Amino acid sequence: MSIRTQIVTLLLLFALLVAGLYGWVLNRHNNDALLFAADQKLGAAAALVAQILPVEYHDHIEGADSVSQKKYQSIVQNYNRLCQELKLDGMWSVLWLDKQPYLTSSTSRSLVLQQGDYPPFFAPHPHPELFSENTTTPDYRTITQKGVPLRMIQLPQLDKRGRLYIIGATLPLLPLQEALLETVSPALTLVLVFFTLLLLFGFLGSAWISQPLQQLVRLAPQQTARAALVMLERTGSPEVETLLASLNALSKDFTDQCALNRTYQHLSYAMDTSPIATAILDNRGRLLYANARFRAAAGGQELTQPGAHMDQFQLGFPAALDRSWRKHVSLSQPWAAEVETNVSGAASGYERVTITPFRNSNHAEHAILFTLQNVARRKKLEQELRHEINFQRVLMNTLPIPVFFKDTQGVFLGCNAAYCTLLGMAEWEIVGRTIFQILPNEAASFYHKKDNLVLQGGGLLDYEGYLRNSTGQERLLHLFTAPFHNADRSLAGLVAAIVDITDRVLFESKIMQMNADLELRVVERTRDLEESMESVQRLQRLLVETETMATLGTMVAGVAHEVNSPLGVGVMASSELQQEVAKFRKTYETEGISEEEFEGFIHRSEDLLGLTVTNLRRAGELLQNFKRVAVDQSDEAQHVFQLDEQIEAVLHALSYLFRKRAIQMRLECPKGLTIKSLPGAVSQIVTNLISNAIKHGFDVGMRGTITLTVKRHDQQIILDFYDDGKGMDQETQEKIFERFFTTQRGSGGSGLGMHIVQSLVVQKLRGSIHCESELGKGTRFVVTFPVEA
């Protein structure tokens, strides 16, 4: 075999040997790291279990009824939340009674609590072989459940009666193994790449190395013999080799000891800088180690020298707790408590004391780990939380309406004082019970079904129901019910607010008769208006037929149309009133009405009745004095009035014309514009312009805007009336003011509306009117008349 082949072979064997050693060391280190990480996490979890369980929790446990359901569910919910956050398999506590471990708390079967998902309280543990009555120190072990490897911690404790209870937690190992494998995989890949490159360089460099090695082989026997002679001449004895080996071993031990000392220094520095006071004592209470904070807390350097007895420590605890912790150290028993103290060198407030026994390095005897951790901030947060809860309770109790909230099982979680008053029960008689334990079965079934609708549908539900209150009166209630959720958005229960609507319903029943009477009056008035309208229409037809009679025809035609307008307004107003009454009745019968809605209805009815009476009176005056309509300007006396108020009154009266049309009305008029003129004529002009624009300027369904702009220029009033409707052609524009001209004669148009407007403007107001229009671009009428007619 050539030297080159021998070199490559040796390199290959060396690479395989180093890779094997590296894999063995890495696997051993990974297993140790896996267990160390798991134990660290489990230790923290066990400490959290001790914090979650109330103080003296196990002291009063005798059987399955020793702990309230509410308190137990709260503990399980905290367990589940921590298991989700820390990715644990479970958290639990067991109590030894009659040589049998009983579960006193445990994580639920599902991390999301559902109906019936709470683990049974005080049930015998299904795996008693995992526990022992002789457990006195924290115990870490690896177990397998359903083929899944788990790491478990057992932390023994004693209650006040000396009974053993164990708190602990379990952690799945597979996620940690996967995490470690992901960490190690890159390292293994780098090792393989390194050895591959080493073999490649060895093969390429073997030719360069082989020639000197061959020369060395030839010279080796001569050099070896010469070296042996020199060694014999220098030492004179083979014992030198033994001495050299001893020196090498001593050097290695010294190097290892230095490394150990450096590790100890790092650990000691970390412990000394820790904010948690830490000390290690033997089972006789003598100090083995103490960090800086413990030395400051226990009385200073002089009282905390190594070997000092625990009786020398001055921790500032109350006398009873001071005796208790020393007793547990003497008995090597685990113990934990929270005390309020003024420890020297520590922040004033609450301190959490823990005593954890463990065996020393040779497992011969127990040692005690003593820790002192300031929990003042946590206590402060707890106090602030209690204040916040108390504030919310006071706030809820000040609400005049009854409020309650339940969990997903229908159990009352809380309520306010108003709800207690409604039922005539104290809060403690309601909380923790279901509706079936409070109300009669029929009423309870009704409200239970409504609650289920909220919990299943997840939305707001309002409904009405009856309830007999504490005085025996049957009240009609309106309930507003909604679900509420946990921080993780899981359904937590429902909350409801109640409004007593009994008095409102009684009030509504009182106004029913008034509504019926009002409706009857409206029907009678409508009948009278319809009869008057028929008479006017007959008169109008007669006037139209006699149009050929020159003087009389002109006068009667104008009067007929002018009479028709107020009567038409009266009929429309009465019809509108009839619709309002029908709408009011329907709303009352289906939804109920509030006092505000009823008052609005009364005001609207009065307005419409007033409009009807005013127009009937106007029609009566016109019918009695029709001779003065055409040319006599003395038919209505002049008055000083505010023009903006007069126009707004007309617009208000004609608001029904816009109700079913997509047309908007805009008025631009200076406030307080006072004139001395004929208010009746002005109102009639505005009315006819608006009616004509709606009827002829816009097709059905067409959107648009009517704008009336009022300005005063010197001693003249200018009314600029514009609609953006379909407009007019030139022929229609030229005939717009002619008597009887209409573009909708077949649809009921009389052709007198704009003629009357022109007559009023020119003859009564002594003004002028002109029209501007174009197809598709709307129509504008500009009316000008003096401030004093």
Foldseek 3Di string as FASTA:
>chain_A
DAQLVVLLVVLVVVLVVVLVVVVVVLVVVLVVVLLVVQVVLFVVVLVVLVVLQDPLNVVQDDAQPRDDPVSQVSSLLVFLVVCVVSVFPKWFKWWDDPNFTFTQHMHWPDSDDDVPGGDRHRHTDPCRVVDDQPDFFKDWDWDADPNFIKIKIWHWAAHPVRTIMTITTIGTSVVVVVVVCVVCVVVSVVSVVVSVVVSVVSSVCSVVVRVVVVVCVVCVVVVVVVVVVVVCVVPVDPCVVVVVVVVVVVVVVVVVVVVVVVVVVVVLVVQQPDQKWKWKAFLQQFTQDTHNQVQQQQPHDVQRDGRHGPVSGDNFFPPVVSVVVVVCSNVSGWDKDKTQGDGGNDDGGIKIWIWGWDADPVSPGIMIMIIIHDCRVVVVVVVVVVVVVVVVQVVQQPDQWKKWWDFPVQATQFIHPNVCQFAVHDGVVRGRDHLVVRAPPVQSVVVVVVQVCQVVVQAKDWDWDWDQGPVRDIFIKIKIKGWDADPVRHTTTMMITIDTCRVVVVVLVVCPVVLVVVLVVLVVLLVVLVVVLVVLVVQLVVLVVVCVPPPSSVLSNLLSVVLNVLSVLLNVLSVVLNVLSVVVVVCCVPPRDGPVVVVVNVVSNVLSVVSNVVSVVVSVLCVVPSNCQQFNQPSAAKDKDFPVVLLVSLCVSCVVLCPQAQEEEEEAEDPRHIFIFGSVLVSLLSNLVVVCCSVPFADGRDHWYWYWYWDDDPFKIKTKTWIQGFWDDPVCQVCLQPAQDDPPVVPPDRRHSNVSSQSSQCRNQVWHWHKDTDGNGTIIIMIMGGRHD
